[in-house]
Amino acid sequence: MSKTLEKVVNHSERLYPDIAPRRGRDDHFARYEFVKQFVRGKTVADIGCGEGYGADIIRTAGAKGVIGLELDAESVITARKKYPGIEFVVGDATKTGLLDASVDIVVSFEVWHHLDDYEKFITEMRRILKPGGKLIVSVPNRHIIYLNPFHRHMLTEFYRTDFDKEIIEKYLKGYFVVDKWFGQRFVRLIYANPPVRFLLWLLSFTNKNIAERIGRAFRLANGPMVLPLTQNNARILIFIAHTT
């Protein structure tokens, strides 16, 4: 099996910039572009850094130091070769091995919902962050993911669950306070209305074109840019929180 095919088959939930679908790549890149405004002069840990391109974006934005942590050893080897100016380590997001109160900012994109122990992730992030440190995390929004009547949600060995604001705040309680919510891939609010969704679902059985258009509306939404969350209509939730 080729290296590229092996990545697709065995690591379907990871993002490899060289082979990732354009939408996933654009979304991931936009998140790192978004955090550039916060990192100058800071020590940043990128939890679930993959092959390191996001950690490099953070470094070039003026971070004082960057630590990329990734569970997959092969990805860490690749990252070290590509970006020698960054410290990359093999580690678990719930047991990083980093020192207590050692980083100013933690970023972790599309990782939390893959873990077995959600609370342990939060307590570990609290441990490694300095007092007043920031946690910046992205996760799928279950209310929009599951509103898509054509979504086929596969619980692979890498995929555990989706979150919403209420679930997130439950896990953060006592450790972090959310400063602001953001989102990506906002869908039109009409698609988030349950009666409308049910009607469209019925119509989809009568017309293939309708089915394709509805599915496309949910998949593509309005683009990868990270915007403030004013209503619960983003496919991806992003929050910035500070330690309590």
C-alpha atoms as a PDB file:
ATOM      1  CA  MET A   1       0.000   0.000   0.000  1.00  0.00           C
ATOM      2  CA  SER A   2       1.374   3.446  -0.900  1.00  0.00           C
ATOM      3  CA  LYS A   3       2.058   6.005   1.830  1.00  0.00           C
ATOM      4  CA  THR A   4      -0.669   8.279   0.473  1.00  0.00           C
ATOM      5  CA  LEU A   5      -3.271   5.514   0.369  1.00  0.00           C
ATOM      6  CA  GLU A   6      -2.260   4.368   3.853  1.00  0.00           C
ATOM      7  CA  LYS A   7      -2.939   7.867   5.148  1.00  0.00           C
ATOM      8  CA  VAL A   8      -6.379   7.896   3.583  1.00  0.00           C
ATOM      9  CA  VAL A   9      -7.358   4.454   4.864  1.00  0.00           C
ATOM     10  CA  ASN A  10      -5.850   4.425   8.339  1.00  0.00           C
ATOM     11  CA  HIS A  11      -5.953   8.110   9.269  1.00  0.00           C
ATOM     12  CA  SER A  12      -9.183   9.322   7.686  1.00  0.00           C
ATOM     13  CA  GLU A  13      -9.828  11.786  10.531  1.00  0.00           C
ATOM     14  CA  ARG A  14      -6.387  13.431  10.309  1.00  0.00           C
ATOM     15  CA  LEU A  15      -5.653  16.385   8.065  1.00  0.00           C
ATOM     16  CA  TYR A  16      -2.693  15.974   5.740  1.00  0.00           C
ATOM     17  CA  PRO A  17      -2.271  19.203   3.715  1.00  0.00           C
ATOM     18  CA  ASP A  18      -0.866  17.357   0.704  1.00  0.00           C
ATOM     19  CA  ILE A  19      -3.874  15.041   0.251  1.00  0.00           C
ATOM     20  CA  ALA A  20      -6.739  16.601   2.247  1.00  0.00           C
ATOM     21  CA  PRO A  21      -9.942  17.656   0.449  1.00  0.00           C
ATOM     22  CA  ARG A  22      -9.891  21.369  -0.266  1.00  0.00           C
ATOM     23  CA  ARG A  23     -12.760  22.247   2.098  1.00  0.00           C
ATOM     24  CA  GLY A  24     -11.158  20.542   5.092  1.00  0.00           C
ATOM     25  CA  ARG A  25      -7.796  22.073   4.285  1.00  0.00           C
ATOM     26  CA  ASP A  26      -9.276  25.558   3.912  1.00  0.00           C
ATOM     27  CA  ASP A  27     -11.190  25.259   7.194  1.00  0.00           C
ATOM     28  CA  HIS A  28      -8.108  24.098   9.092  1.00  0.00           C
ATOM     29  CA  PHE A  29      -5.897  26.799   7.596  1.00  0.00           C
ATOM     30  CA  ALA A  30      -8.445  29.502   8.463  1.00  0.00           C
ATOM     31  CA  ARG A  31      -8.383  28.481  12.138  1.00  0.00           C
ATOM     32  CA  TYR A  32      -4.636  28.925  12.335  1.00  0.00           C
ATOM     33  CA  GLU A  33      -4.872  32.254  10.528  1.00  0.00           C
ATOM     34  CA  PHE A  34      -7.451  33.272  13.128  1.00  0.00           C
ATOM     35  CA  VAL A  35      -5.200  32.519  16.124  1.00  0.00           C
ATOM     36  CA  LYS A  36      -2.246  34.482  14.726  1.00  0.00           C
ATOM     37  CA  GLN A  37      -3.629  37.632  16.352  1.00  0.00           C
ATOM     38  CA  PHE A  38      -3.197  36.154  19.853  1.00  0.00           C
ATOM     39  CA  VAL A  39       0.212  34.479  19.783  1.00  0.00           C
ATOM     40  CA  ARG A  40       2.891  37.167  19.435  1.00  0.00           C
ATOM     41  CA  GLY A  41       5.386  36.896  22.274  1.00  0.00           C
ATOM     42  CA  LYS A  42       3.556  33.894  23.757  1.00  0.00           C
ATOM     43  CA  THR A  43       4.487  30.288  24.375  1.00  0.00           C
ATOM     44  CA  VAL A  44       1.933  28.186  22.506  1.00  0.00           C
ATOM     45  CA  ALA A  45       1.109  24.483  22.584  1.00  0.00           C
ATOM     46  CA  ASP A  46      -0.613  23.051  19.507  1.00  0.00           C
ATOM     47  CA  ILE A  47      -2.360  19.909  20.745  1.00  0.00           C
ATOM     48  CA  GLY A  48      -2.990  17.456  17.924  1.00  0.00           C
ATOM     49  CA  CYS A  49      -0.618  19.261  15.574  1.00  0.00           C
ATOM     50  CA  GLY A  50      -0.501  16.589  12.860  1.00  0.00           C
ATOM     51  CA  GLU A  51       2.438  17.149  10.518  1.00  0.00           C
ATOM     52  CA  GLY A  52       3.100  20.593  11.938  1.00  0.00           C
ATOM     53  CA  TYR A  53       2.060  23.124   9.315  1.00  0.00           C
ATOM     54  CA  GLY A  54      -0.264  24.905  11.775  1.00  0.00           C
ATOM     55  CA  ALA A  55       2.435  25.094  14.418  1.00  0.00           C
ATOM     56  CA  ASP A  56       4.650  26.726  11.800  1.00  0.00           C
ATOM     57  CA  ILE A  57       1.961  29.333  11.071  1.00  0.00           C
ATOM     58  CA  ILE A  58       1.910  30.138  14.790  1.00  0.00           C
ATOM     59  CA  ARG A  59       5.709  30.410  14.894  1.00  0.00           C
ATOM     60  CA  THR A  60       5.877  32.773  11.928  1.00  0.00           C
ATOM     61  CA  ALA A  61       3.182  34.939  13.557  1.00  0.00           C
ATOM     62  CA  GLY A  62       5.674  35.842  16.282  1.00  0.00           C
ATOM     63  CA  ALA A  63       5.140  33.279  19.028  1.00  0.00           C
ATOM     64  CA  LYS A  64       8.002  33.168  21.529  1.00  0.00           C
ATOM     65  CA  GLY A  65       7.933  29.393  21.477  1.00  0.00           C
ATOM     66  CA  VAL A  66       5.799  26.647  19.960  1.00  0.00           C
ATOM     67  CA  ILE A  67       5.336  23.071  21.109  1.00  0.00           C
ATOM     68  CA  GLY A  68       3.521  20.717  18.758  1.00  0.00           C
ATOM     69  CA  LEU A  69       2.080  17.614  20.395  1.00  0.00           C
ATOM     70  CA  GLU A  70       0.819  14.717  18.280  1.00  0.00           C
ATOM     71  CA  LEU A  71      -0.152  11.135  19.116  1.00  0.00           C
ATOM     72  CA  ASP A  72       1.027   9.719  15.780  1.00  0.00           C
ATOM     73  CA  ALA A  73       4.791   9.182  15.900  1.00  0.00           C
ATOM     74  CA  GLU A  74       5.190   9.137  12.116  1.00  0.00           C
ATOM     75  CA  SER A  75       3.557  12.560  11.843  1.00  0.00           C
ATOM     76  CA  VAL A  76       5.947  13.912  14.468  1.00  0.00           C
ATOM     77  CA  ILE A  77       8.949  12.594  12.530  1.00  0.00           C
ATOM     78  CA  THR A  78       7.656  14.349   9.407  1.00  0.00           C
ATOM     79  CA  ALA A  79       6.993  17.579  11.314  1.00  0.00           C
ATOM     80  CA  ARG A  80      10.505  17.644  12.773  1.00  0.00           C
ATOM     81  CA  LYS A  81      11.993  17.316   9.295  1.00  0.00           C
ATOM     82  CA  LYS A  82       9.786  20.024   7.780  1.00  0.00           C
ATOM     83  CA  TYR A  83       9.945  22.549  10.632  1.00  0.00           C
ATOM     84  CA  PRO A  84      13.230  22.169  12.566  1.00  0.00           C
ATOM     85  CA  GLY A  85      12.691  25.400  14.523  1.00  0.00           C
ATOM     86  CA  ILE A  86       9.719  23.959  16.424  1.00  0.00           C
ATOM     87  CA  GLU A  87       9.654  21.469  19.285  1.00  0.00           C
ATOM     88  CA  PHE A  88       7.498  18.492  18.306  1.00  0.00           C
ATOM     89  CA  VAL A  89       6.733  15.725  20.777  1.00  0.00           C
ATOM     90  CA  VAL A  90       4.775  12.490  20.700  1.00  0.00           C
ATOM     91  CA  GLY A  91       2.065  12.595  23.323  1.00  0.00           C
ATOM     92  CA  ASP A  92      -1.540  12.067  24.341  1.00  0.00           C
ATOM     93  CA  ALA A  93      -3.851  15.083  24.581  1.00  0.00           C
ATOM     94  CA  THR A  94      -5.059  13.872  27.976  1.00  0.00           C
ATOM     95  CA  LYS A  95      -1.541  13.228  29.299  1.00  0.00           C
ATOM     96  CA  THR A  96       0.826  15.544  27.467  1.00  0.00           C
ATOM     97  CA  GLY A  97       3.919  15.265  29.632  1.00  0.00           C
ATOM     98  CA  LEU A  98       4.357  19.052  29.449  1.00  0.00           C
ATOM     99  CA  LEU A  99       5.305  20.950  32.599  1.00  0.00           C
ATOM    100  CA  ASP A 100       2.734  22.538  34.890  1.00  0.00           C
ATOM    101  CA  ALA A 101       1.879  26.154  34.015  1.00  0.00           C
ATOM    102  CA  SER A 102       4.357  26.131  31.130  1.00  0.00           C
ATOM    103  CA  VAL A 103       2.404  27.674  28.227  1.00  0.00           C
ATOM    104  CA  ASP A 104       0.455  30.885  27.643  1.00  0.00           C
ATOM    105  CA  ILE A 105      -1.922  29.563  24.984  1.00  0.00           C
ATOM    106  CA  VAL A 106      -3.207  26.152  23.974  1.00  0.00           C
ATOM    107  CA  VAL A 107      -4.756  25.660  20.549  1.00  0.00           C
ATOM    108  CA  SER A 108      -6.432  22.388  19.649  1.00  0.00           C
ATOM    109  CA  PHE A 109      -8.445  22.068  16.472  1.00  0.00           C
ATOM    110  CA  GLU A 110     -10.777  19.140  15.736  1.00  0.00           C
ATOM    111  CA  VAL A 111      -9.227  16.959  18.449  1.00  0.00           C
ATOM    112  CA  TRP A 112     -11.397  17.041  21.569  1.00  0.00           C
ATOM    113  CA  HIS A 113     -14.315  15.093  20.066  1.00  0.00           C
ATOM    114  CA  HIS A 114     -11.968  12.235  19.120  1.00  0.00           C
ATOM    115  CA  LEU A 115     -10.882  11.521  22.682  1.00  0.00           C
ATOM    116  CA  ASP A 116     -12.164   8.909  25.104  1.00  0.00           C
ATOM    117  CA  ASP A 117     -12.100  11.154  28.181  1.00  0.00           C
ATOM    118  CA  TYR A 118     -13.402  14.676  27.540  1.00  0.00           C
ATOM    119  CA  GLU A 119     -12.970  15.972  31.084  1.00  0.00           C
ATOM    120  CA  LYS A 120      -9.419  14.683  31.354  1.00  0.00           C
ATOM    121  CA  PHE A 121      -8.518  16.736  28.284  1.00  0.00           C
ATOM    122  CA  ILE A 122      -9.825  19.872  30.001  1.00  0.00           C
ATOM    123  CA  THR A 123      -8.023  19.191  33.283  1.00  0.00           C
ATOM    124  CA  GLU A 124      -4.791  18.532  31.396  1.00  0.00           C
ATOM    125  CA  MET A 125      -5.085  21.785  29.446  1.00  0.00           C
ATOM    126  CA  ARG A 126      -5.734  23.617  32.712  1.00  0.00           C
ATOM    127  CA  ARG A 127      -2.635  22.031  34.227  1.00  0.00           C
ATOM    128  CA  ILE A 128      -0.217  23.067  31.475  1.00  0.00           C
ATOM    129  CA  LEU A 129      -1.580  26.605  31.075  1.00  0.00           C
ATOM    130  CA  LYS A 130      -0.238  29.495  33.098  1.00  0.00           C
ATOM    131  CA  PRO A 131      -2.714  31.417  35.296  1.00  0.00           C
ATOM    132  CA  GLY A 132      -4.877  33.491  32.976  1.00  0.00           C
ATOM    133  CA  GLY A 133      -3.780  31.418  29.990  1.00  0.00           C
ATOM    134  CA  LYS A 134      -6.010  30.970  26.953  1.00  0.00           C
ATOM    135  CA  LEU A 135      -7.547  27.807  25.534  1.00  0.00           C
ATOM    136  CA  ILE A 136      -8.662  27.983  21.885  1.00  0.00           C
ATOM    137  CA  VAL A 137     -10.535  24.915  20.660  1.00  0.00           C
ATOM    138  CA  SER A 138     -12.684  23.927  17.679  1.00  0.00           C
ATOM    139  CA  VAL A 139     -15.241  21.108  17.549  1.00  0.00           C
ATOM    140  CA  PRO A 140     -18.181  20.159  15.282  1.00  0.00           C
ATOM    141  CA  ASN A 141     -21.546  21.622  16.304  1.00  0.00           C
ATOM    142  CA  ARG A 142     -23.878  18.683  16.842  1.00  0.00           C
ATOM    143  CA  HIS A 143     -27.001  20.790  16.272  1.00  0.00           C
ATOM    144  CA  ILE A 144     -25.967  21.581  12.708  1.00  0.00           C
ATOM    145  CA  ILE A 145     -24.216  18.301  11.884  1.00  0.00           C
ATOM    146  CA  TYR A 146     -27.299  16.300  12.812  1.00  0.00           C
ATOM    147  CA  LEU A 147     -29.749  18.745  11.230  1.00  0.00           C
ATOM    148  CA  ASN A 148     -28.459  17.720   7.831  1.00  0.00           C
ATOM    149  CA  PRO A 149     -30.921  15.007   6.760  1.00  0.00           C
ATOM    150  CA  PHE A 150     -28.291  13.600   4.398  1.00  0.00           C
ATOM    151  CA  HIS A 151     -25.466  13.446   6.931  1.00  0.00           C
ATOM    152  CA  ARG A 152     -24.020   9.986   7.428  1.00  0.00           C
ATOM    153  CA  HIS A 153     -22.256  10.297  10.748  1.00  0.00           C
ATOM    154  CA  MET A 154     -19.698   7.501  11.006  1.00  0.00           C
ATOM    155  CA  LEU A 155     -18.329   6.746  14.447  1.00  0.00           C
ATOM    156  CA  THR A 156     -14.901   5.485  13.421  1.00  0.00           C
ATOM    157  CA  GLU A 157     -12.154   4.498  15.819  1.00  0.00           C
ATOM    158  CA  PHE A 158     -11.015   8.119  15.609  1.00  0.00           C
ATOM    159  CA  TYR A 159     -14.425   9.738  16.065  1.00  0.00           C
ATOM    160  CA  ARG A 160     -16.322   9.789  19.353  1.00  0.00           C
ATOM    161  CA  THR A 161     -18.978  12.508  19.563  1.00  0.00           C
ATOM    162  CA  ASP A 162     -19.956  16.070  18.687  1.00  0.00           C
ATOM    163  CA  PHE A 163     -20.440  19.007  21.028  1.00  0.00           C
ATOM    164  CA  ASP A 164     -22.714  21.989  21.481  1.00  0.00           C
ATOM    165  CA  LYS A 165     -22.283  25.113  23.619  1.00  0.00           C
ATOM    166  CA  GLU A 166     -24.073  23.612  26.602  1.00  0.00           C
ATOM    167  CA  ILE A 167     -21.973  20.439  26.595  1.00  0.00           C
ATOM    168  CA  ILE A 168     -18.772  22.443  26.214  1.00  0.00           C
ATOM    169  CA  GLU A 169     -19.597  24.754  29.113  1.00  0.00           C
ATOM    170  CA  LYS A 170     -20.443  21.761  31.298  1.00  0.00           C
ATOM    171  CA  TYR A 171     -16.945  20.348  30.813  1.00  0.00           C
ATOM    172  CA  LEU A 172     -15.247  23.731  31.221  1.00  0.00           C
ATOM    173  CA  LYS A 173     -17.008  24.570  34.489  1.00  0.00           C
ATOM    174  CA  GLY A 174     -14.559  25.019  37.327  1.00  0.00           C
ATOM    175  CA  TYR A 175     -11.542  25.121  34.996  1.00  0.00           C
ATOM    176  CA  PHE A 176     -12.204  27.727  32.297  1.00  0.00           C
ATOM    177  CA  VAL A 177     -14.535  30.606  31.478  1.00  0.00           C
ATOM    178  CA  VAL A 178     -15.468  31.234  27.835  1.00  0.00           C
ATOM    179  CA  ASP A 179     -14.518  34.730  26.670  1.00  0.00           C
ATOM    180  CA  LYS A 180     -16.038  34.528  23.207  1.00  0.00           C
ATOM    181  CA  TRP A 181     -17.638  32.112  20.754  1.00  0.00           C
ATOM    182  CA  PHE A 182     -16.830  31.930  17.062  1.00  0.00           C
ATOM    183  CA  GLY A 183     -17.836  29.645  14.230  1.00  0.00           C
ATOM    184  CA  GLN A 184     -17.121  28.416  10.722  1.00  0.00           C
ATOM    185  CA  ARG A 185     -19.339  27.280   7.871  1.00  0.00           C
ATOM    186  CA  PHE A 186     -22.526  29.060   8.883  1.00  0.00           C
ATOM    187  CA  VAL A 187     -25.676  27.591   7.353  1.00  0.00           C
ATOM    188  CA  ARG A 188     -28.762  29.635   6.595  1.00  0.00           C
ATOM    189  CA  LEU A 189     -31.046  29.756   9.613  1.00  0.00           C
ATOM    190  CA  ILE A 190     -33.954  28.356   7.628  1.00  0.00           C
ATOM    191  CA  TYR A 191     -32.112  25.023   7.498  1.00  0.00           C
ATOM    192  CA  ALA A 192     -31.852  25.012  11.303  1.00  0.00           C
ATOM    193  CA  ASN A 193     -35.641  25.123  11.681  1.00  0.00           C
ATOM    194  CA  PRO A 194     -36.889  21.570  12.495  1.00  0.00           C
ATOM    195  CA  PRO A 195     -40.282  21.823  10.685  1.00  0.00           C
ATOM    196  CA  VAL A 196     -38.590  23.204   7.574  1.00  0.00           C
ATOM    197  CA  ARG A 197     -35.954  20.506   7.756  1.00  0.00           C
ATOM    198  CA  PHE A 198     -38.634  17.816   7.971  1.00  0.00           C
ATOM    199  CA  LEU A 199     -40.473  19.261   4.963  1.00  0.00           C
ATOM    200  CA  LEU A 200     -37.278  19.395   2.920  1.00  0.00           C
ATOM    201  CA  TRP A 201     -36.485  15.836   3.933  1.00  0.00           C
ATOM    202  CA  LEU A 202     -39.887  14.700   2.607  1.00  0.00           C
ATOM    203  CA  LEU A 203     -39.426  16.673  -0.601  1.00  0.00           C
ATOM    204  CA  SER A 204     -36.038  15.092  -1.146  1.00  0.00           C
ATOM    205  CA  PHE A 205     -37.679  11.722  -1.784  1.00  0.00           C
ATOM    206  CA  THR A 206     -39.602  13.148  -4.718  1.00  0.00           C
ATOM    207  CA  ASN A 207     -36.822  15.040  -6.458  1.00  0.00           C
ATOM    208  CA  LYS A 208     -33.156  14.104  -6.685  1.00  0.00           C
ATOM    209  CA  ASN A 209     -32.140  17.674  -7.510  1.00  0.00           C
ATOM    210  CA  ILE A 210     -33.763  18.969  -4.324  1.00  0.00           C
ATOM    211  CA  ALA A 211     -31.927  16.353  -2.285  1.00  0.00           C
ATOM    212  CA  GLU A 212     -28.590  17.325  -3.822  1.00  0.00           C
ATOM    213  CA  ARG A 213     -29.179  21.044  -3.281  1.00  0.00           C
ATOM    214  CA  ILE A 214     -30.127  20.597   0.380  1.00  0.00           C
ATOM    215  CA  GLY A 215     -27.157  18.373   1.047  1.00  0.00           C
ATOM    216  CA  ARG A 216     -24.850  20.864  -0.666  1.00  0.00           C
ATOM    217  CA  ALA A 217     -26.224  23.733   1.436  1.00  0.00           C
ATOM    218  CA  PHE A 218     -25.323  21.914   4.626  1.00  0.00           C
ATOM    219  CA  ARG A 219     -21.922  20.784   3.418  1.00  0.00           C
ATOM    220  CA  LEU A 220     -20.652  24.052   2.013  1.00  0.00           C
ATOM    221  CA  ALA A 221     -22.388  26.672   4.165  1.00  0.00           C
ATOM    222  CA  ASN A 222     -20.784  30.122   3.769  1.00  0.00           C
ATOM    223  CA  GLY A 223     -17.055  29.468   3.645  1.00  0.00           C
ATOM    224  CA  PRO A 224     -14.109  28.804   5.960  1.00  0.00           C
ATOM    225  CA  MET A 225     -13.712  32.245   7.541  1.00  0.00           C
ATOM    226  CA  VAL A 226     -13.898  32.368  11.343  1.00  0.00           C
ATOM    227  CA  LEU A 227     -16.640  34.756  12.458  1.00  0.00           C
ATOM    228  CA  PRO A 228     -18.289  35.693  15.775  1.00  0.00           C
ATOM    229  CA  LEU A 229     -21.087  33.308  16.704  1.00  0.00           C
ATOM    230  CA  THR A 230     -24.336  35.241  17.125  1.00  0.00           C
ATOM    231  CA  GLN A 231     -26.772  32.377  16.472  1.00  0.00           C
ATOM    232  CA  ASN A 232     -26.443  28.621  16.671  1.00  0.00           C
ATOM    233  CA  ASN A 233     -25.971  28.019  12.954  1.00  0.00           C
ATOM    234  CA  ALA A 234     -22.254  27.218  12.517  1.00  0.00           C
ATOM    235  CA  ARG A 235     -21.067  23.744  11.545  1.00  0.00           C
ATOM    236  CA  ILE A 236     -17.858  24.292  13.525  1.00  0.00           C
ATOM    237  CA  LEU A 237     -17.798  25.863  16.996  1.00  0.00           C
ATOM    238  CA  ILE A 238     -14.681  27.688  18.170  1.00  0.00           C
ATOM    239  CA  PHE A 239     -14.268  29.088  21.658  1.00  0.00           C
ATOM    240  CA  ILE A 240     -11.656  31.147  23.445  1.00  0.00           C
ATOM    241  CA  ALA A 241     -11.561  30.579  27.200  1.00  0.00           C
ATOM    242  CA  HIS A 242      -9.313  31.657  30.050  1.00  0.00           C
ATOM    243  CA  THR A 243      -8.310  29.733  33.153  1.00  0.00           C
ATOM    244  CA  THR A 244     -10.276  30.275  36.350  1.00  0.00           C
END
